[in-house]
Amino acid sequence: MFEYLKNSMADEKGNLSKSHTLLCGLGAGVSEAILIVCPMETVKVKFIDDQTKPNPKYRGFFHGVRTIVKEEGIVYWRGSEEELFILTCIKLYFLFNLCFDWFCVFYFIYFGC
């Protein structure tokens, strides 16, 4: 997603300003949080809670996901939506930038360009 946004916001030389880099990182983080992280965190918490019960109802990952979707529909997040969404976006944005910065350093050291 970052590359898609980068390609749409880059100038004719392929460069991004700092504000466009921020927007691309934020867009990638938000889309990942909405489509991947929040649903998986919800499923993970439901599985952990289910395993603490005397008679767990989920027999495995696929059975659990199928049961959750059948009973509740496609679940994006439950609970304190704003906090979960905002914290996930902030965490992913800073993690992406940290990893990208380290990648650039190692790429420069290894390839020297």
C-alpha atoms as a PDB file:
ATOM      1  CA  MET A   1       0.000   0.000   0.000  1.00  0.00           C
ATOM      2  CA  PHE A   2       2.870   2.372   0.799  1.00  0.00           C
ATOM      3  CA  GLU A   3       4.348   1.864  -2.666  1.00  0.00           C
ATOM      4  CA  TYR A   4       0.978   2.462  -4.307  1.00  0.00           C
ATOM      5  CA  LEU A   5       0.527   5.724  -2.424  1.00  0.00           C
ATOM      6  CA  LYS A   6       4.158   6.684  -3.019  1.00  0.00           C
ATOM      7  CA  ASN A   7       3.807   6.163  -6.757  1.00  0.00           C
ATOM      8  CA  SER A   8       0.676   8.301  -6.845  1.00  0.00           C
ATOM      9  CA  MET A   9       2.220  11.150  -4.794  1.00  0.00           C
ATOM     10  CA  ALA A  10       5.778  11.187  -6.134  1.00  0.00           C
ATOM     11  CA  ASP A  11       7.001  13.955  -8.400  1.00  0.00           C
ATOM     12  CA  GLU A  12       8.323  13.320 -11.923  1.00  0.00           C
ATOM     13  CA  LYS A  13      11.727  12.246 -10.496  1.00  0.00           C
ATOM     14  CA  GLY A  14      10.118   9.784  -8.095  1.00  0.00           C
ATOM     15  CA  ASN A  15      10.888  11.841  -4.968  1.00  0.00           C
ATOM     16  CA  LEU A  16       8.559  12.413  -2.036  1.00  0.00           C
ATOM     17  CA  SER A  17       8.481  15.387   0.289  1.00  0.00           C
ATOM     18  CA  LYS A  18       8.466  14.723   4.022  1.00  0.00           C
ATOM     19  CA  SER A  19       4.772  15.540   4.257  1.00  0.00           C
ATOM     20  CA  HIS A  20       3.935  13.159   1.406  1.00  0.00           C
ATOM     21  CA  THR A  21       6.059  10.456   3.065  1.00  0.00           C
ATOM     22  CA  LEU A  22       4.071  11.021   6.250  1.00  0.00           C
ATOM     23  CA  LEU A  23       0.779  10.733   4.377  1.00  0.00           C
ATOM     24  CA  CYS A  24       1.903   7.559   2.562  1.00  0.00           C
ATOM     25  CA  GLY A  25       3.016   5.950   5.828  1.00  0.00           C
ATOM     26  CA  LEU A  26      -0.163   6.982   7.553  1.00  0.00           C
ATOM     27  CA  GLY A  27      -2.307   5.678   4.706  1.00  0.00           C
ATOM     28  CA  ALA A  28      -0.466   2.359   4.684  1.00  0.00           C
ATOM     29  CA  GLY A  29      -0.762   2.053   8.470  1.00  0.00           C
ATOM     30  CA  VAL A  30      -4.448   2.885   8.537  1.00  0.00           C
ATOM     31  CA  SER A  31      -5.321   0.460   5.746  1.00  0.00           C
ATOM     32  CA  GLU A  32      -3.284  -2.326   7.376  1.00  0.00           C
ATOM     33  CA  ALA A  33      -4.898  -1.638  10.740  1.00  0.00           C
ATOM     34  CA  ILE A  34      -8.427  -1.724   9.321  1.00  0.00           C
ATOM     35  CA  LEU A  35      -8.017  -4.699   6.999  1.00  0.00           C
ATOM     36  CA  ILE A  36      -5.545  -6.954   8.823  1.00  0.00           C
ATOM     37  CA  VAL A  37      -4.413  -6.053  12.339  1.00  0.00           C
ATOM     38  CA  CYS A  38      -7.698  -5.210  14.071  1.00  0.00           C
ATOM     39  CA  PRO A  39      -9.592  -8.262  12.775  1.00  0.00           C
ATOM     40  CA  MET A  40      -6.703 -10.584  13.678  1.00  0.00           C
ATOM     41  CA  GLU A  41      -6.357  -9.022  17.141  1.00  0.00           C
ATOM     42  CA  THR A  42     -10.082  -9.531  17.691  1.00  0.00           C
ATOM     43  CA  VAL A  43      -9.842 -13.194  16.666  1.00  0.00           C
ATOM     44  CA  LYS A  44      -6.735 -13.682  18.820  1.00  0.00           C
ATOM     45  CA  VAL A  45      -8.429 -12.234  21.908  1.00  0.00           C
ATOM     46  CA  LYS A  46     -11.530 -14.372  21.309  1.00  0.00           C
ATOM     47  CA  PHE A  47      -9.337 -17.492  21.049  1.00  0.00           C
ATOM     48  CA  ILE A  48      -7.432 -16.647  24.233  1.00  0.00           C
ATOM     49  CA  ASP A  49     -10.676 -15.995  26.106  1.00  0.00           C
ATOM     50  CA  ASP A  50     -12.179 -19.223  24.767  1.00  0.00           C
ATOM     51  CA  GLN A  51      -9.210 -21.304  25.944  1.00  0.00           C
ATOM     52  CA  THR A  52      -9.681 -20.099  29.538  1.00  0.00           C
ATOM     53  CA  LYS A  53     -13.198 -21.582  29.655  1.00  0.00           C
ATOM     54  CA  PRO A  54     -13.805 -25.129  30.930  1.00  0.00           C
ATOM     55  CA  ASN A  55     -15.310 -26.215  27.590  1.00  0.00           C
ATOM     56  CA  PRO A  56     -13.726 -24.282  24.703  1.00  0.00           C
ATOM     57  CA  LYS A  57     -15.968 -24.032  21.644  1.00  0.00           C
ATOM     58  CA  TYR A  58     -13.239 -23.382  19.025  1.00  0.00           C
ATOM     59  CA  ARG A  59     -11.476 -26.556  17.880  1.00  0.00           C
ATOM     60  CA  GLY A  60      -8.829 -24.809  15.813  1.00  0.00           C
ATOM     61  CA  PHE A  61      -8.015 -21.665  13.878  1.00  0.00           C
ATOM     62  CA  PHE A  62     -10.225 -22.250  10.837  1.00  0.00           C
ATOM     63  CA  HIS A  63     -13.089 -23.630  12.907  1.00  0.00           C
ATOM     64  CA  GLY A  64     -12.835 -20.631  15.235  1.00  0.00           C
ATOM     65  CA  VAL A  65     -12.800 -18.061  12.439  1.00  0.00           C
ATOM     66  CA  ARG A  66     -15.686 -19.795  10.676  1.00  0.00           C
ATOM     67  CA  THR A  67     -17.699 -19.878  13.936  1.00  0.00           C
ATOM     68  CA  ILE A  68     -16.988 -16.217  14.731  1.00  0.00           C
ATOM     69  CA  VAL A  69     -17.994 -15.087  11.228  1.00  0.00           C
ATOM     70  CA  LYS A  70     -21.141 -17.221  11.346  1.00  0.00           C
ATOM     71  CA  GLU A  71     -22.199 -15.926  14.785  1.00  0.00           C
ATOM     72  CA  GLU A  72     -21.118 -12.274  14.592  1.00  0.00           C
ATOM     73  CA  GLY A  73     -20.425 -11.520  10.946  1.00  0.00           C
ATOM     74  CA  ILE A  74     -17.124 -10.127   9.776  1.00  0.00           C
ATOM     75  CA  VAL A  75     -15.664  -8.564  12.900  1.00  0.00           C
ATOM     76  CA  TYR A  76     -13.292  -5.643  12.511  1.00  0.00           C
ATOM     77  CA  TRP A  77     -12.938  -4.738  16.152  1.00  0.00           C
ATOM     78  CA  ARG A  78     -14.899  -4.806  19.347  1.00  0.00           C
ATOM     79  CA  GLY A  79     -14.491  -2.852  22.539  1.00  0.00           C
ATOM     80  CA  SER A  80     -12.892   0.554  22.643  1.00  0.00           C
ATOM     81  CA  GLU A  81     -12.738   1.169  18.908  1.00  0.00           C
ATOM     82  CA  GLU A  82     -11.163   4.594  18.986  1.00  0.00           C
ATOM     83  CA  GLU A  83      -8.318   3.622  21.294  1.00  0.00           C
ATOM     84  CA  LEU A  84      -7.569   0.388  19.465  1.00  0.00           C
ATOM     85  CA  PHE A  85      -7.710   2.024  16.054  1.00  0.00           C
ATOM     86  CA  ILE A  86      -5.619   5.073  16.954  1.00  0.00           C
ATOM     87  CA  LEU A  87      -2.999   3.115  18.907  1.00  0.00           C
ATOM     88  CA  THR A  88      -2.683   0.538  16.141  1.00  0.00           C
ATOM     89  CA  CYS A  89      -2.215   3.227  13.498  1.00  0.00           C
ATOM     90  CA  ILE A  90       0.387   5.070  15.559  1.00  0.00           C
ATOM     91  CA  LYS A  91       2.260   1.857  16.359  1.00  0.00           C
ATOM     92  CA  LEU A  92       2.317   0.725  12.737  1.00  0.00           C
ATOM     93  CA  TYR A  93       3.367   4.144  11.445  1.00  0.00           C
ATOM     94  CA  PHE A  94       6.384   4.378  13.759  1.00  0.00           C
ATOM     95  CA  LEU A  95       7.301   0.722  13.231  1.00  0.00           C
ATOM     96  CA  PHE A  96       7.196   1.140   9.459  1.00  0.00           C
ATOM     97  CA  ASN A  97       9.340   4.271   9.559  1.00  0.00           C
ATOM     98  CA  LEU A  98      11.871   2.646  11.891  1.00  0.00           C
ATOM     99  CA  CYS A  99      12.159  -0.447   9.696  1.00  0.00           C
ATOM    100  CA  PHE A 100      12.339   1.661   6.536  1.00  0.00           C
ATOM    101  CA  ASP A 101      15.124   3.840   7.993  1.00  0.00           C
ATOM    102  CA  TRP A 102      17.152   0.781   9.014  1.00  0.00           C
ATOM    103  CA  PHE A 103      16.564  -0.792   5.615  1.00  0.00           C
ATOM    104  CA  CYS A 104      17.917   2.349   3.916  1.00  0.00           C
ATOM    105  CA  VAL A 105      21.024   2.336   6.143  1.00  0.00           C
ATOM    106  CA  PHE A 106      21.780  -1.328   5.488  1.00  0.00           C
ATOM    107  CA  TYR A 107      21.022  -0.960   1.793  1.00  0.00           C
ATOM    108  CA  PHE A 108      23.483   1.943   1.579  1.00  0.00           C
ATOM    109  CA  ILE A 109      26.144  -0.002   3.486  1.00  0.00           C
ATOM    110  CA  TYR A 110      25.704  -3.153   1.418  1.00  0.00           C
ATOM    111  CA  PHE A 111      25.267  -1.668  -2.069  1.00  0.00           C
ATOM    112  CA  GLY A 112      27.044   1.638  -1.494  1.00  0.00           C
ATOM    113  CA  CYS A 113      24.607   3.729  -3.504  1.00  0.00           C
END
